[in-house]
Amino acid sequence: MPMRTECKHFESRTYKSGDTVRKCNLDMAPDAPWRCPEECEKYERRMIDIAWAHGSLVPPATPVEPASLDDGTAAAVLDEAEAIINAVFGDVVADMNDKRKNKKKNRDKKKKN
């Protein structure tokens, strides 16, 4: 099933560069931006869109599906990318917290002097 653009969890964003992101905000569409699951348990029609006519703000057309969607390799690549991000996430957060603590210590030292 193609992405359900009328679902309240669907989001499309186009950047100044022309790149467009099409996704499910609940991460329920593993084949985004091309497909939603046939029987998505979280699908809810966006109520504000019912019976509305859209102007130029309608998201661009769905990109052409790659052949790798049917053989499962696209999902495998996306899963691997997500695993890499999840693996470094804790380290990045810890690094940011350390930097915040150091900044606070430096501010406190400056106030005392």
N, C-alpha and C. Protein backbone atom coordinates (compact mmCIF):
# COMPACT_ATOMS: atom_id res chain seq x y z
N MET A 1 0.85 -1.18 0.00
CA MET A 1 0.00 0.00 0.00
C MET A 1 0.89 1.24 0.00
N PRO A 2 0.61 2.22 -0.85
CA PRO A 2 1.41 3.45 -0.86
C PRO A 2 1.28 4.20 0.47
N MET A 3 2.20 5.11 0.73
CA MET A 3 2.12 5.90 1.96
C MET A 3 0.76 6.58 2.02
N ARG A 4 0.15 6.51 3.18
CA ARG A 4 -1.17 7.13 3.38
C ARG A 4 -0.96 8.58 3.80
N THR A 5 -0.96 9.46 2.84
CA THR A 5 -0.70 10.87 3.12
C THR A 5 -1.82 11.51 3.94
N GLU A 6 -2.97 10.84 3.99
CA GLU A 6 -4.09 11.38 4.77
C GLU A 6 -4.05 10.93 6.23
N CYS A 7 -3.07 10.10 6.59
CA CYS A 7 -2.94 9.63 7.98
C CYS A 7 -2.39 10.76 8.85
N LYS A 8 -2.90 10.89 10.04
CA LYS A 8 -2.44 11.98 10.91
C LYS A 8 -1.01 11.80 11.37
N HIS A 9 -0.42 10.61 11.18
CA HIS A 9 0.96 10.36 11.59
C HIS A 9 1.95 10.53 10.43
N PHE A 10 1.43 10.79 9.23
CA PHE A 10 2.28 11.02 8.06
C PHE A 10 2.83 12.43 8.11
N GLU A 11 4.10 12.58 7.76
CA GLU A 11 4.70 13.91 7.70
C GLU A 11 5.54 14.01 6.44
N SER A 12 5.44 15.13 5.78
CA SER A 12 6.26 15.42 4.61
C SER A 12 6.85 16.81 4.81
N ARG A 13 8.14 16.92 4.57
CA ARG A 13 8.81 18.20 4.74
C ARG A 13 9.77 18.39 3.57
N THR A 14 9.68 19.53 2.91
CA THR A 14 10.59 19.85 1.82
C THR A 14 11.52 20.96 2.28
N TYR A 15 12.81 20.75 2.07
CA TYR A 15 13.83 21.71 2.49
C TYR A 15 14.21 22.63 1.34
N LYS A 16 14.92 23.71 1.65
CA LYS A 16 15.31 24.69 0.63
C LYS A 16 16.11 24.04 -0.49
N SER A 17 16.84 22.99 -0.17
CA SER A 17 17.66 22.31 -1.18
C SER A 17 16.80 21.53 -2.18
N GLY A 18 15.52 21.37 -1.86
CA GLY A 18 14.63 20.59 -2.71
C GLY A 18 14.43 19.17 -2.22
N ASP A 19 15.25 18.75 -1.25
CA ASP A 19 15.10 17.41 -0.68
C ASP A 19 13.79 17.34 0.09
N THR A 20 13.13 16.20 0.00
CA THR A 20 11.87 16.00 0.69
C THR A 20 11.96 14.77 1.58
N VAL A 21 11.46 14.91 2.80
CA VAL A 21 11.38 13.79 3.73
C VAL A 21 9.92 13.40 3.85
N ARG A 22 9.64 12.13 3.66
CA ARG A 22 8.28 11.59 3.80
C ARG A 22 8.38 10.46 4.81
N LYS A 23 7.63 10.55 5.91
CA LYS A 23 7.79 9.54 6.94
C LYS A 23 6.55 9.38 7.79
N CYS A 24 6.55 8.30 8.55
CA CYS A 24 5.55 8.06 9.57
C CYS A 24 6.15 8.52 10.90
N ASN A 25 5.51 9.43 11.58
CA ASN A 25 6.05 9.95 12.85
C ASN A 25 6.11 8.89 13.94
N LEU A 26 5.37 7.79 13.78
CA LEU A 26 5.39 6.72 14.77
C LEU A 26 6.37 5.60 14.38
N ASP A 27 7.06 5.78 13.27
CA ASP A 27 8.00 4.78 12.76
C ASP A 27 7.32 3.43 12.52
N MET A 28 6.09 3.49 12.03
CA MET A 28 5.32 2.28 11.75
C MET A 28 5.42 1.85 10.29
N ALA A 29 6.10 2.63 9.46
CA ALA A 29 6.21 2.32 8.03
C ALA A 29 7.66 1.99 7.69
N PRO A 30 8.04 0.72 7.81
CA PRO A 30 9.44 0.36 7.55
C PRO A 30 9.87 0.61 6.11
N ASP A 31 8.94 0.69 5.18
CA ASP A 31 9.28 0.94 3.79
C ASP A 31 9.02 2.38 3.37
N ALA A 32 8.96 3.30 4.34
CA ALA A 32 8.80 4.71 4.02
C ALA A 32 10.01 5.15 3.22
N PRO A 33 9.88 6.00 2.27
CA PRO A 33 8.74 6.83 1.94
C PRO A 33 7.82 6.23 0.88
N TRP A 34 7.95 4.94 0.61
CA TRP A 34 7.18 4.35 -0.47
C TRP A 34 5.90 3.67 -0.02
N ARG A 35 5.94 2.97 1.11
CA ARG A 35 4.78 2.15 1.49
C ARG A 35 4.47 2.24 2.98
N CYS A 36 3.19 2.09 3.28
CA CYS A 36 2.70 1.87 4.64
C CYS A 36 2.34 0.39 4.74
N PRO A 37 2.34 -0.17 5.95
CA PRO A 37 1.87 -1.54 6.09
C PRO A 37 0.40 -1.64 5.68
N GLU A 38 0.01 -2.77 5.12
CA GLU A 38 -1.38 -2.96 4.66
C GLU A 38 -2.38 -2.72 5.79
N GLU A 39 -2.15 -3.34 6.92
CA GLU A 39 -3.07 -3.25 8.07
C GLU A 39 -2.39 -2.52 9.22
N CYS A 40 -2.11 -1.25 9.08
CA CYS A 40 -1.42 -0.49 10.13
C CYS A 40 -2.38 -0.26 11.30
N GLU A 41 -1.99 -0.72 12.46
CA GLU A 41 -2.86 -0.60 13.64
C GLU A 41 -2.96 0.83 14.17
N LYS A 42 -2.04 1.70 13.74
CA LYS A 42 -2.04 3.08 14.23
C LYS A 42 -2.62 4.08 13.23
N TYR A 43 -3.10 3.59 12.08
CA TYR A 43 -3.64 4.49 11.06
C TYR A 43 -4.85 5.24 11.62
N GLU A 44 -4.81 6.56 11.47
CA GLU A 44 -5.95 7.42 11.83
C GLU A 44 -6.03 8.51 10.77
N ARG A 45 -7.19 8.63 10.20
CA ARG A 45 -7.36 9.67 9.17
C ARG A 45 -7.21 11.04 9.82
N ARG A 46 -6.46 11.90 9.17
CA ARG A 46 -6.26 13.27 9.65
C ARG A 46 -7.60 14.00 9.50
N MET A 47 -8.21 14.34 10.60
CA MET A 47 -9.56 14.91 10.59
C MET A 47 -9.61 16.28 9.91
N ILE A 48 -8.59 17.07 10.03
CA ILE A 48 -8.62 18.40 9.46
C ILE A 48 -8.64 18.36 7.94
N ASP A 49 -8.20 17.24 7.36
CA ASP A 49 -8.12 17.13 5.90
C ASP A 49 -9.40 16.60 5.26
N ILE A 50 -10.32 16.10 6.03
CA ILE A 50 -11.51 15.49 5.44
C ILE A 50 -12.29 16.54 4.65
N ALA A 51 -12.54 16.25 3.39
CA ALA A 51 -13.32 17.09 2.47
C ALA A 51 -12.65 18.42 2.16
N TRP A 52 -11.35 18.54 2.38
CA TRP A 52 -10.64 19.77 2.05
C TRP A 52 -9.98 19.62 0.69
N ALA A 53 -9.89 20.72 -0.02
CA ALA A 53 -9.12 20.75 -1.26
C ALA A 53 -7.76 21.36 -0.94
N HIS A 54 -6.69 20.74 -1.42
CA HIS A 54 -5.34 21.22 -1.12
C HIS A 54 -4.81 22.08 -2.25
N GLY A 55 -4.03 23.06 -1.87
CA GLY A 55 -3.38 23.93 -2.84
C GLY A 55 -1.96 23.46 -3.08
N SER A 56 -1.05 24.41 -3.17
CA SER A 56 0.34 24.10 -3.52
C SER A 56 1.11 23.46 -2.37
N LEU A 57 0.53 23.35 -1.20
CA LEU A 57 1.24 22.76 -0.08
C LEU A 57 1.11 21.24 -0.02
N VAL A 58 0.49 20.65 -1.01
CA VAL A 58 0.36 19.20 -1.07
C VAL A 58 1.76 18.63 -1.23
N PRO A 59 2.10 17.58 -0.47
CA PRO A 59 3.44 17.02 -0.59
C PRO A 59 3.72 16.53 -2.01
N PRO A 60 5.00 16.57 -2.42
CA PRO A 60 5.33 16.09 -3.76
C PRO A 60 4.99 14.61 -3.91
N ALA A 61 4.95 14.19 -5.16
CA ALA A 61 4.60 12.79 -5.45
C ALA A 61 5.60 11.84 -4.80
N THR A 62 5.11 10.66 -4.47
CA THR A 62 5.96 9.62 -3.89
C THR A 62 7.04 9.24 -4.89
N PRO A 63 8.30 9.12 -4.43
CA PRO A 63 9.35 8.71 -5.35
C PRO A 63 9.11 7.30 -5.88
N VAL A 64 9.72 6.98 -6.99
CA VAL A 64 9.59 5.65 -7.60
C VAL A 64 10.17 4.61 -6.65
N GLU A 65 9.44 3.51 -6.47
CA GLU A 65 9.90 2.44 -5.58
C GLU A 65 11.11 1.73 -6.15
N PRO A 66 12.15 1.54 -5.35
CA PRO A 66 13.28 0.74 -5.83
C PRO A 66 12.92 -0.74 -5.79
N ALA A 67 13.56 -1.53 -6.62
CA ALA A 67 13.30 -2.97 -6.66
C ALA A 67 13.64 -3.64 -5.34
N SER A 68 14.54 -3.04 -4.58
CA SER A 68 14.99 -3.65 -3.32
C SER A 68 13.90 -3.68 -2.25
N LEU A 69 12.78 -2.97 -2.48
CA LEU A 69 11.68 -3.05 -1.51
C LEU A 69 11.08 -4.45 -1.48
N ASP A 70 10.99 -5.06 -2.64
CA ASP A 70 10.36 -6.38 -2.71
C ASP A 70 11.26 -7.50 -2.22
N ASP A 71 12.58 -7.34 -2.34
CA ASP A 71 13.46 -8.43 -1.90
C ASP A 71 13.94 -8.26 -0.46
N GLY A 72 13.54 -7.17 0.21
CA GLY A 72 13.86 -6.99 1.63
C GLY A 72 15.18 -6.30 1.90
N THR A 73 15.98 -6.02 0.87
CA THR A 73 17.28 -5.41 1.14
C THR A 73 17.17 -3.96 1.59
N ALA A 74 16.14 -3.23 1.12
CA ALA A 74 15.98 -1.84 1.55
C ALA A 74 15.71 -1.78 3.05
N ALA A 75 14.84 -2.65 3.53
CA ALA A 75 14.53 -2.69 4.96
C ALA A 75 15.77 -3.08 5.76
N ALA A 76 16.57 -3.99 5.22
CA ALA A 76 17.78 -4.42 5.92
C ALA A 76 18.78 -3.27 6.04
N VAL A 77 18.92 -2.47 4.99
CA VAL A 77 19.83 -1.32 5.02
C VAL A 77 19.34 -0.30 6.04
N LEU A 78 18.04 -0.03 6.03
CA LEU A 78 17.49 0.93 6.98
C LEU A 78 17.63 0.44 8.42
N ASP A 79 17.41 -0.86 8.64
CA ASP A 79 17.59 -1.44 9.98
C ASP A 79 19.04 -1.30 10.44
N GLU A 80 19.97 -1.54 9.53
CA GLU A 80 21.39 -1.44 9.88
C GLU A 80 21.75 0.01 10.22
N ALA A 81 21.24 0.96 9.43
CA ALA A 81 21.50 2.37 9.70
C ALA A 81 20.94 2.78 11.06
N GLU A 82 19.73 2.31 11.37
CA GLU A 82 19.12 2.62 12.66
C GLU A 82 19.93 2.01 13.80
N ALA A 83 20.46 0.81 13.61
CA ALA A 83 21.28 0.16 14.64
C ALA A 83 22.56 0.96 14.90
N ILE A 84 23.16 1.48 13.83
CA ILE A 84 24.38 2.28 13.98
C ILE A 84 24.08 3.54 14.78
N ILE A 85 22.99 4.21 14.44
CA ILE A 85 22.62 5.44 15.15
C ILE A 85 22.31 5.14 16.62
N ASN A 86 21.58 4.08 16.86
CA ASN A 86 21.25 3.71 18.24
C ASN A 86 22.50 3.34 19.04
N ALA A 87 23.49 2.74 18.38
CA ALA A 87 24.72 2.33 19.07
C ALA A 87 25.52 3.53 19.55
N VAL A 88 25.53 4.63 18.79
CA VAL A 88 26.32 5.80 19.19
C VAL A 88 25.51 6.82 19.97
N PHE A 89 24.22 6.65 20.03
CA PHE A 89 23.35 7.65 20.67
C PHE A 89 23.76 7.90 22.12
N GLY A 90 23.96 6.85 22.89
CA GLY A 90 24.33 7.00 24.30
C GLY A 90 25.62 7.77 24.48
N ASP A 91 26.61 7.48 23.63
CA ASP A 91 27.90 8.17 23.71
C ASP A 91 27.74 9.66 23.37
N VAL A 92 26.93 9.97 22.39
CA VAL A 92 26.72 11.36 22.00
C VAL A 92 26.03 12.13 23.13
N VAL A 93 25.02 11.53 23.73
CA VAL A 93 24.32 12.19 24.84
C VAL A 93 25.27 12.39 26.02
N ALA A 94 26.07 11.39 26.33
CA ALA A 94 27.03 11.51 27.44
C ALA A 94 28.04 12.61 27.15
N ASP A 95 28.52 12.70 25.92
CA ASP A 95 29.46 13.74 25.52
C ASP A 95 28.84 15.12 25.66
N MET A 96 27.60 15.26 25.23
CA MET A 96 26.92 16.55 25.35
C MET A 96 26.73 16.93 26.82
N ASN A 97 26.37 15.96 27.64
CA ASN A 97 26.20 16.25 29.08
C ASN A 97 27.51 16.66 29.72
N ASP A 98 28.62 16.01 29.33
CA ASP A 98 29.93 16.40 29.86
C ASP A 98 30.27 17.83 29.47
N LYS A 99 29.99 18.20 28.22
CA LYS A 99 30.27 19.56 27.77
C LYS A 99 29.43 20.57 28.54
N ARG A 100 28.17 20.23 28.81
CA ARG A 100 27.31 21.14 29.58
C ARG A 100 27.84 21.31 31.00
N LYS A 101 28.27 20.21 31.60
CA LYS A 101 28.81 20.28 32.96
C LYS A 101 30.07 21.13 33.00
N ASN A 102 30.94 20.97 32.00
CA ASN A 102 32.17 21.76 31.95
C ASN A 102 31.86 23.24 31.77
N LYS A 103 30.88 23.56 30.94
CA LYS A 103 30.50 24.96 30.75
C LYS A 103 29.97 25.55 32.05
N LYS A 104 29.16 24.75 32.76
CA LYS A 104 28.60 25.24 34.02
C LYS A 104 29.71 25.46 35.04
N LYS A 105 30.67 24.54 35.10
CA LYS A 105 31.80 24.70 36.03
C LYS A 105 32.57 25.97 35.71
N ASN A 106 32.81 26.20 34.42
CA ASN A 106 33.56 27.40 34.02
C ASN A 106 32.79 28.67 34.36
N ARG A 107 31.46 28.66 34.17
CA ARG A 107 30.65 29.83 34.54
C ARG A 107 30.71 30.06 36.05
N ASP A 108 30.62 28.99 36.82
CA ASP A 108 30.65 29.11 38.28
C ASP A 108 32.00 29.66 38.75
N LYS A 109 33.08 29.22 38.11
CA LYS A 109 34.42 29.73 38.47
C LYS A 109 34.53 31.21 38.16
N LYS A 110 33.98 31.62 37.01
CA LYS A 110 34.03 33.04 36.63
C LYS A 110 33.23 33.90 37.60
N LYS A 111 32.10 33.38 38.07
CA LYS A 111 31.27 34.15 39.01
C LYS A 111 31.98 34.32 40.33
N LYS A 112 32.74 33.33 40.77
CA LYS A 112 33.44 33.39 42.05
C LYS A 112 34.61 34.37 41.98
N ASN A 113 35.19 34.54 40.81
CA ASN A 113 36.36 35.42 40.67
C ASN A 113 35.92 36.80 40.45
